[in-house]
Structure formats: C-alpha cells, structure tokens
Amino acid sequence: MYRFAKAAVNISSQAARQVRHGSSAPQDFHSKYGTGIMIGGAVFCTAIWSYVMTQTGITWNLSPIRKVMPKEWREAEE
C-alpha cells in the first residue's frame, strides 16, 4: 500500500508541475473546442431524447391522477 501511495503522490505532483508550466497540452484547448463540444453534446442529447420520446412507443404516464384506478377487491373463493 505504501508503494501505491508513493507512486500516486509522485504522479500527481508531476501532473501539477506540467499544468503549472503548461507542458502537458495547449493552453487554449477549452477556448478552441469548449463551445463546440458543449453545442455538440446538447445537440446529441436533444436528438436522442427526441427519438426516445417520439419513436420508441413508450407510454410515459406523466400524471397518475384519474388514470390509475384500483381494481375491485375480490374475496378468495374457497
């Protein structure tokens, strides 16, 4: 367990150094691609839910008021 903890601390400190010095990736990734990824995710989510709601035939039953009626109680016949 000690070796694992030591390796984890070493990896996290290396990652922190890379982030501080900017050597791990271009610094403007989010400004370049962030908006496109967000819009793409929103379009994907909307498309999937539109398909699910219109094409799959699921009965959603959003409000059970006046839709669910209890069955009449039947006495056990002996």
PDB file of N, CA and C in Angstrom:
ATOM      1  N   MET A   1       0.830  -1.186   0.000  1.00  0.00           N
ATOM      2  CA  MET A   1       0.000   0.000   0.000  1.00  0.00           C
ATOM      3  C   MET A   1       0.873   1.248   0.000  1.00  0.00           C
ATOM      4  N   TYR A   2       2.010   1.166   0.703  1.00  0.00           N
ATOM      5  CA  TYR A   2       2.908   2.319   0.771  1.00  0.00           C
ATOM      6  C   TYR A   2       3.449   2.668  -0.615  1.00  0.00           C
ATOM      7  N   ARG A   3       3.832   1.645  -1.386  1.00  0.00           N
ATOM      8  CA  ARG A   3       4.355   1.900  -2.727  1.00  0.00           C
ATOM      9  C   ARG A   3       3.303   2.562  -3.616  1.00  0.00           C
ATOM     10  N   PHE A   4       2.051   2.093  -3.504  1.00  0.00           N
ATOM     11  CA  PHE A   4       0.977   2.671  -4.303  1.00  0.00           C
ATOM     12  C   PHE A   4       0.758   4.134  -3.944  1.00  0.00           C
ATOM     13  N   ALA A   5       0.734   4.441  -2.658  1.00  0.00           N
ATOM     14  CA  ALA A   5       0.528   5.826  -2.220  1.00  0.00           C
ATOM     15  C   ALA A   5       1.682   6.707  -2.683  1.00  0.00           C
ATOM     16  N   LYS A   6       2.899   6.191  -2.579  1.00  0.00           N
ATOM     17  CA  LYS A   6       4.061   6.966  -3.005  1.00  0.00           C
ATOM     18  C   LYS A   6       4.011   7.235  -4.514  1.00  0.00           C
ATOM     19  N   ALA A   7       3.631   6.229  -5.302  1.00  0.00           N
ATOM     20  CA  ALA A   7       3.523   6.395  -6.752  1.00  0.00           C
ATOM     21  C   ALA A   7       2.407   7.382  -7.103  1.00  0.00           C
ATOM     22  N   ALA A   8       1.294   7.309  -6.377  1.00  0.00           N
ATOM     23  CA  ALA A   8       0.182   8.217  -6.646  1.00  0.00           C
ATOM     24  C   ALA A   8       0.575   9.667  -6.357  1.00  0.00           C
ATOM     25  N   VAL A   9       1.291   9.898  -5.277  1.00  0.00           N
ATOM     26  CA  VAL A   9       1.737  11.248  -4.951  1.00  0.00           C
ATOM     27  C   VAL A   9       2.719  11.739  -5.996  1.00  0.00           C
ATOM     28  N   ASN A  10       3.614  10.862  -6.441  1.00  0.00           N
ATOM     29  CA  ASN A  10       4.597  11.236  -7.448  1.00  0.00           C
ATOM     30  C   ASN A  10       3.912  11.609  -8.763  1.00  0.00           C
ATOM     31  N   ILE A  11       2.928  10.817  -9.165  1.00  0.00           N
ATOM     32  CA  ILE A  11       2.210  11.098 -10.412  1.00  0.00           C
ATOM     33  C   ILE A  11       1.446  12.408 -10.300  1.00  0.00           C
ATOM     34  N   SER A  12       0.783  12.624  -9.169  1.00  0.00           N
ATOM     35  CA  SER A  12       0.003  13.856  -9.022  1.00  0.00           C
ATOM     36  C   SER A  12       0.911  15.079  -8.971  1.00  0.00           C
ATOM     37  N   SER A  13       2.089  14.952  -8.375  1.00  0.00           N
ATOM     38  CA  SER A  13       2.996  16.105  -8.344  1.00  0.00           C
ATOM     39  C   SER A  13       3.562  16.382  -9.742  1.00  0.00           C
ATOM     40  N   GLN A  14       3.811  15.330 -10.511  1.00  0.00           N
ATOM     41  CA  GLN A  14       4.272  15.542 -11.884  1.00  0.00           C
ATOM     42  C   GLN A  14       3.193  16.213 -12.715  1.00  0.00           C
ATOM     43  N   ALA A  15       1.964  15.797 -12.529  1.00  0.00           N
ATOM     44  CA  ALA A  15       0.864  16.402 -13.271  1.00  0.00           C
ATOM     45  C   ALA A  15       0.696  17.867 -12.881  1.00  0.00           C
ATOM     46  N   ALA A  16       0.837  18.161 -11.609  1.00  0.00           N
ATOM     47  CA  ALA A  16       0.718  19.551 -11.158  1.00  0.00           C
ATOM     48  C   ALA A  16       1.829  20.410 -11.754  1.00  0.00           C
ATOM     49  N   ARG A  17       3.019  19.865 -11.834  1.00  0.00           N
ATOM     50  CA  ARG A  17       4.128  20.617 -12.443  1.00  0.00           C
ATOM     51  C   ARG A  17       3.862  20.876 -13.920  1.00  0.00           C
ATOM     52  N   GLN A  18       3.332  19.881 -14.622  1.00  0.00           N
ATOM     53  CA  GLN A  18       3.045  20.057 -16.037  1.00  0.00           C
ATOM     54  C   GLN A  18       1.964  21.106 -16.251  1.00  0.00           C
ATOM     55  N   VAL A  19       0.950  21.100 -15.402  1.00  0.00           N
ATOM     56  CA  VAL A  19      -0.121  22.089 -15.537  1.00  0.00           C
ATOM     57  C   VAL A  19       0.412  23.480 -15.255  1.00  0.00           C
ATOM     58  N   ARG A  20       1.230  23.610 -14.227  1.00  0.00           N
ATOM     59  CA  ARG A  20       1.790  24.929 -13.884  1.00  0.00           C
ATOM     60  C   ARG A  20       2.663  25.470 -15.010  1.00  0.00           C
ATOM     61  N   HIS A  21       3.456  24.603 -15.611  1.00  0.00           N
ATOM     62  CA  HIS A  21       4.392  25.067 -16.633  1.00  0.00           C
ATOM     63  C   HIS A  21       3.803  24.980 -18.035  1.00  0.00           C
ATOM     64  N   GLY A  22       2.640  24.406 -18.177  1.00  0.00           N
ATOM     65  CA  GLY A  22       1.967  24.364 -19.468  1.00  0.00           C
ATOM     66  C   GLY A  22       2.584  23.424 -20.469  1.00  0.00           C
ATOM     67  N   SER A  23       3.221  22.367 -19.994  1.00  0.00           N
ATOM     68  CA  SER A  23       3.890  21.467 -20.932  1.00  0.00           C
ATOM     69  C   SER A  23       3.035  20.265 -21.302  1.00  0.00           C
ATOM     70  N   SER A  24       1.846  20.099 -20.729  1.00  0.00           N
ATOM     71  CA  SER A  24       1.082  18.884 -20.990  1.00  0.00           C
ATOM     72  C   SER A  24       0.195  19.003 -22.227  1.00  0.00           C
ATOM     73  N   ALA A  25      -0.369  20.171 -22.497  1.00  0.00           N
ATOM     74  CA  ALA A  25      -1.286  20.337 -23.626  1.00  0.00           C
ATOM     75  C   ALA A  25      -1.350  21.818 -23.979  1.00  0.00           C
ATOM     76  N   PRO A  26      -1.864  22.119 -25.150  1.00  0.00           N
ATOM     77  CA  PRO A  26      -2.046  23.534 -25.477  1.00  0.00           C
ATOM     78  C   PRO A  26      -2.970  24.200 -24.461  1.00  0.00           C
ATOM     79  N   GLN A  27      -2.653  25.412 -24.070  1.00  0.00           N
ATOM     80  CA  GLN A  27      -3.414  26.059 -23.011  1.00  0.00           C
ATOM     81  C   GLN A  27      -4.760  26.559 -23.486  1.00  0.00           C
ATOM     82  N   ASP A  28      -4.957  26.683 -24.766  1.00  0.00           N
ATOM     83  CA  ASP A  28      -6.199  27.245 -25.247  1.00  0.00           C
ATOM     84  C   ASP A  28      -7.156  26.169 -25.775  1.00  0.00           C
ATOM     85  N   PHE A  29      -7.055  24.941 -25.245  1.00  0.00           N
ATOM     86  CA  PHE A  29      -7.934  23.865 -25.714  1.00  0.00           C
ATOM     87  C   PHE A  29      -9.393  24.215 -25.465  1.00  0.00           C
ATOM     88  N   HIS A  30      -9.705  24.693 -24.247  1.00  0.00           N
ATOM     89  CA  HIS A  30     -11.097  24.986 -23.917  1.00  0.00           C
ATOM     90  C   HIS A  30     -11.622  26.176 -24.717  1.00  0.00           C
ATOM     91  N   SER A  31     -10.784  27.143 -24.921  1.00  0.00           N
ATOM     92  CA  SER A  31     -11.251  28.283 -25.705  1.00  0.00           C
ATOM     93  C   SER A  31     -11.412  27.907 -27.178  1.00  0.00           C
ATOM     94  N   LYS A  32     -10.626  26.930 -27.653  1.00  0.00           N
ATOM     95  CA  LYS A  32     -10.745  26.491 -29.037  1.00  0.00           C
ATOM     96  C   LYS A  32     -11.937  25.570 -29.252  1.00  0.00           C
ATOM     97  N   TYR A  33     -12.091  24.574 -28.376  1.00  0.00           N
ATOM     98  CA  TYR A  33     -13.043  23.499 -28.622  1.00  0.00           C
ATOM     99  C   TYR A  33     -14.190  23.438 -27.618  1.00  0.00           C
ATOM    100  N   GLY A  34     -14.137  24.191 -26.544  1.00  0.00           N
ATOM    101  CA  GLY A  34     -15.137  24.083 -25.477  1.00  0.00           C
ATOM    102  C   GLY A  34     -16.547  24.358 -25.942  1.00  0.00           C
ATOM    103  N   THR A  35     -16.740  25.440 -26.689  1.00  0.00           N
ATOM    104  CA  THR A  35     -18.079  25.794 -27.155  1.00  0.00           C
ATOM    105  C   THR A  35     -18.611  24.744 -28.122  1.00  0.00           C
ATOM    106  N   GLY A  36     -17.782  24.279 -29.020  1.00  0.00           N
ATOM    107  CA  GLY A  36     -18.211  23.251 -29.974  1.00  0.00           C
ATOM    108  C   GLY A  36     -18.592  21.953 -29.299  1.00  0.00           C
ATOM    109  N   ILE A  37     -17.824  21.559 -28.287  1.00  0.00           N
ATOM    110  CA  ILE A  37     -18.135  20.328 -27.564  1.00  0.00           C
ATOM    111  C   ILE A  37     -19.458  20.478 -26.813  1.00  0.00           C
ATOM    112  N   MET A  38     -19.674  21.640 -26.181  1.00  0.00           N
ATOM    113  CA  MET A  38     -20.932  21.866 -25.465  1.00  0.00           C
ATOM    114  C   MET A  38     -22.127  21.850 -26.421  1.00  0.00           C
ATOM    115  N   ILE A  39     -22.001  22.512 -27.555  1.00  0.00           N
ATOM    116  CA  ILE A  39     -23.097  22.540 -28.531  1.00  0.00           C
ATOM    117  C   ILE A  39     -23.333  21.143 -29.098  1.00  0.00           C
ATOM    118  N   GLY A  40     -22.254  20.436 -29.405  1.00  0.00           N
ATOM    119  CA  GLY A  40     -22.383  19.069 -29.914  1.00  0.00           C
ATOM    120  C   GLY A  40     -23.071  18.149 -28.908  1.00  0.00           C
ATOM    121  N   GLY A  41     -22.718  18.278 -27.636  1.00  0.00           N
ATOM    122  CA  GLY A  41     -23.352  17.470 -26.598  1.00  0.00           C
ATOM    123  C   GLY A  41     -24.826  17.793 -26.457  1.00  0.00           C
ATOM    124  N   ALA A  42     -25.161  19.081 -26.525  1.00  0.00           N
ATOM    125  CA  ALA A  42     -26.565  19.484 -26.411  1.00  0.00           C
ATOM    126  C   ALA A  42     -27.374  18.963 -27.600  1.00  0.00           C
ATOM    127  N   VAL A  43     -26.807  19.037 -28.799  1.00  0.00           N
ATOM    128  CA  VAL A  43     -27.500  18.540 -29.997  1.00  0.00           C
ATOM    129  C   VAL A  43     -27.674  17.028 -29.905  1.00  0.00           C
ATOM    130  N   PHE A  44     -26.640  16.326 -29.483  1.00  0.00           N
ATOM    131  CA  PHE A  44     -26.714  14.877 -29.340  1.00  0.00           C
ATOM    132  C   PHE A  44     -27.786  14.481 -28.325  1.00  0.00           C
ATOM    133  N   CYS A  45     -27.782  15.128 -27.174  1.00  0.00           N
ATOM    134  CA  CYS A  45     -28.750  14.823 -26.121  1.00  0.00           C
ATOM    135  C   CYS A  45     -30.173  15.098 -26.605  1.00  0.00           C
ATOM    136  N   THR A  46     -30.371  16.229 -27.259  1.00  0.00           N
ATOM    137  CA  THR A  46     -31.694  16.571 -27.778  1.00  0.00           C
ATOM    138  C   THR A  46     -32.149  15.563 -28.824  1.00  0.00           C
ATOM    139  N   ALA A  47     -31.247  15.168 -29.705  1.00  0.00           N
ATOM    140  CA  ALA A  47     -31.608  14.203 -30.748  1.00  0.00           C
ATOM    141  C   ALA A  47     -31.990  12.856 -30.152  1.00  0.00           C
ATOM    142  N   ILE A  48     -31.224  12.372 -29.203  1.00  0.00           N
ATOM    143  CA  ILE A  48     -31.512  11.071 -28.592  1.00  0.00           C
ATOM    144  C   ILE A  48     -32.848  11.106 -27.865  1.00  0.00           C
ATOM    145  N   TRP A  49     -33.082  12.161 -27.053  1.00  0.00           N
ATOM    146  CA  TRP A  49     -34.345  12.233 -26.311  1.00  0.00           C
ATOM    147  C   TRP A  49     -35.527  12.446 -27.247  1.00  0.00           C
ATOM    148  N   SER A  50     -35.335  13.167 -28.331  1.00  0.00           N
ATOM    149  CA  SER A  50     -36.421  13.325 -29.309  1.00  0.00           C
ATOM    150  C   SER A  50     -36.789  11.980 -29.910  1.00  0.00           C
ATOM    151  N   TYR A  51     -35.793  11.191 -30.245  1.00  0.00           N
ATOM    152  CA  TYR A  51     -36.046   9.856 -30.784  1.00  0.00           C
ATOM    153  C   TYR A  51     -36.761   8.979 -29.753  1.00  0.00           C
ATOM    154  N   VAL A  52     -36.255   8.986 -28.532  1.00  0.00           N
ATOM    155  CA  VAL A  52     -36.844   8.140 -27.493  1.00  0.00           C
ATOM    156  C   VAL A  52     -38.296   8.523 -27.247  1.00  0.00           C
ATOM    157  N   MET A  53     -38.582   9.806 -27.178  1.00  0.00           N
ATOM    158  CA  MET A  53     -39.938  10.245 -26.850  1.00  0.00           C
ATOM    159  C   MET A  53     -40.923  10.049 -28.002  1.00  0.00           C
ATOM    160  N   THR A  54     -40.456  10.087 -29.242  1.00  0.00           N
ATOM    161  CA  THR A  54     -41.387  10.022 -30.371  1.00  0.00           C
ATOM    162  C   THR A  54     -41.433   8.662 -31.062  1.00  0.00           C
ATOM    163  N   GLN A  55     -40.370   7.909 -31.061  1.00  0.00           N
ATOM    164  CA  GLN A  55     -40.307   6.709 -31.896  1.00  0.00           C
ATOM    165  C   GLN A  55     -40.349   5.388 -31.140  1.00  0.00           C
ATOM    166  N   THR A  56     -40.069   5.378 -29.865  1.00  0.00           N
ATOM    167  CA  THR A  56     -39.957   4.093 -29.183  1.00  0.00           C
ATOM    168  C   THR A  56     -41.285   3.540 -28.710  1.00  0.00           C
ATOM    169  N   GLY A  57     -42.331   4.364 -28.654  1.00  0.00           N
ATOM    170  CA  GLY A  57     -43.634   3.884 -28.240  1.00  0.00           C
ATOM    171  C   GLY A  57     -43.781   3.705 -26.747  1.00  0.00           C
ATOM    172  N   ILE A  58     -42.930   4.339 -25.972  1.00  0.00           N
ATOM    173  CA  ILE A  58     -43.041   4.244 -24.519  1.00  0.00           C
ATOM    174  C   ILE A  58     -44.221   5.097 -24.072  1.00  0.00           C
ATOM    175  N   THR A  59     -45.055   4.533 -23.229  1.00  0.00           N
ATOM    176  CA  THR A  59     -46.139   5.299 -22.632  1.00  0.00           C
ATOM    177  C   THR A  59     -45.593   5.928 -21.366  1.00  0.00           C
ATOM    178  N   TRP A  60     -45.513   7.220 -21.341  1.00  0.00           N
ATOM    179  CA  TRP A  60     -44.818   7.892 -20.251  1.00  0.00           C
ATOM    180  C   TRP A  60     -45.660   7.997 -19.001  1.00  0.00           C
ATOM    181  N   ASN A  61     -46.993   8.185 -19.130  1.00  0.00           N
ATOM    182  CA  ASN A  61     -47.869   8.249 -17.971  1.00  0.00           C
ATOM    183  C   ASN A  61     -47.346   9.245 -16.944  1.00  0.00           C
ATOM    184  N   LEU A  62     -47.249  10.503 -17.354  1.00  0.00           N
ATOM    185  CA  LEU A  62     -46.625  11.517 -16.519  1.00  0.00           C
ATOM    186  C   LEU A  62     -47.406  11.806 -15.248  1.00  0.00           C
ATOM    187  N   SER A  63     -48.728  11.778 -15.308  1.00  0.00           N
ATOM    188  CA  SER A  63     -49.525  12.067 -14.124  1.00  0.00           C
ATOM    189  C   SER A  63     -50.492  10.919 -13.886  1.00  0.00           C
ATOM    190  N   PRO A  64     -50.440  10.277 -12.745  1.00  0.00           N
ATOM    191  CA  PRO A  64     -51.335   9.148 -12.489  1.00  0.00           C
ATOM    192  C   PRO A  64     -52.735   9.568 -12.041  1.00  0.00           C
ATOM    193  N   ILE A  65     -52.978  10.862 -11.882  1.00  0.00           N
ATOM    194  CA  ILE A  65     -54.273  11.321 -11.383  1.00  0.00           C
ATOM    195  C   ILE A  65     -55.352  10.983 -12.408  1.00  0.00           C
ATOM    196  N   ARG A  66     -56.385  10.309 -11.951  1.00  0.00           N
ATOM    197  CA  ARG A  66     -57.532   9.873 -12.756  1.00  0.00           C
ATOM    198  C   ARG A  66     -57.161   8.891 -13.872  1.00  0.00           C
ATOM    199  N   LYS A  67     -55.971   8.359 -13.858  1.00  0.00           N
ATOM    200  CA  LYS A  67     -55.577   7.391 -14.872  1.00  0.00           C
ATOM    201  C   LYS A  67     -55.424   5.998 -14.272  1.00  0.00           C
ATOM    202  N   VAL A  68     -55.045   5.936 -13.030  1.00  0.00           N
ATOM    203  CA  VAL A  68     -54.848   4.653 -12.375  1.00  0.00           C
ATOM    204  C   VAL A  68     -56.031   4.424 -11.445  1.00  0.00           C
ATOM    205  N   MET A  69     -56.786   3.412 -11.738  1.00  0.00           N
ATOM    206  CA  MET A  69     -57.948   3.092 -10.912  1.00  0.00           C
ATOM    207  C   MET A  69     -57.668   1.775 -10.200  1.00  0.00           C
ATOM    208  N   PRO A  70     -57.947   1.724  -8.915  1.00  0.00           N
ATOM    209  CA  PRO A  70     -57.713   0.459  -8.204  1.00  0.00           C
ATOM    210  C   PRO A  70     -58.710  -0.607  -8.659  1.00  0.00           C
ATOM    211  N   LYS A  71     -58.264  -1.838  -8.670  1.00  0.00           N
ATOM    212  CA  LYS A  71     -59.147  -2.935  -9.040  1.00  0.00           C
ATOM    213  C   LYS A  71     -60.084  -3.229  -7.871  1.00  0.00           C
ATOM    214  N   GLU A  72     -61.230  -3.765  -8.213  1.00  0.00           N
ATOM    215  CA  GLU A  72     -62.171  -4.154  -7.169  1.00  0.00           C
ATOM    216  C   GLU A  72     -61.585  -5.321  -6.360  1.00  0.00           C
ATOM    217  N   TRP A  73     -61.838  -5.286  -5.059  1.00  0.00           N
ATOM    218  CA  TRP A  73     -61.341  -6.344  -4.196  1.00  0.00           C
ATOM    219  C   TRP A  73     -62.164  -7.595  -4.434  1.00  0.00           C
ATOM    220  N   ARG A  74     -61.460  -8.700  -4.621  1.00  0.00           N
ATOM    221  CA  ARG A  74     -62.165  -9.980  -4.792  1.00  0.00           C
ATOM    222  C   ARG A  74     -61.913 -10.850  -3.572  1.00  0.00           C
ATOM    223  N   GLU A  75     -62.980 -11.363  -3.017  1.00  0.00           N
ATOM    224  CA  GLU A  75     -62.835 -12.288  -1.888  1.00  0.00           C
ATOM    225  C   GLU A  75     -62.285 -13.613  -2.404  1.00  0.00           C
ATOM    226  N   ALA A  76     -61.446 -14.204  -1.627  1.00  0.00           N
ATOM    227  CA  ALA A  76     -60.897 -15.507  -2.009  1.00  0.00           C
ATOM    228  C   ALA A  76     -62.003 -16.546  -1.978  1.00  0.00           C
ATOM    229  N   GLU A  77     -62.169 -17.254  -3.061  1.00  0.00           N
ATOM    230  CA  GLU A  77     -63.209 -18.270  -3.132  1.00  0.00           C
ATOM    231  C   GLU A  77     -62.660 -19.583  -2.599  1.00  0.00           C
ATOM    232  N   GLU A  78     -63.383 -20.139  -1.674  1.00  0.00           N
ATOM    233  CA  GLU A  78     -62.919 -21.375  -1.069  1.00  0.00           C
ATOM    234  C   GLU A  78     -63.739 -22.541  -1.484  1.00  0.00           C
TER     235      GLU A  78
END
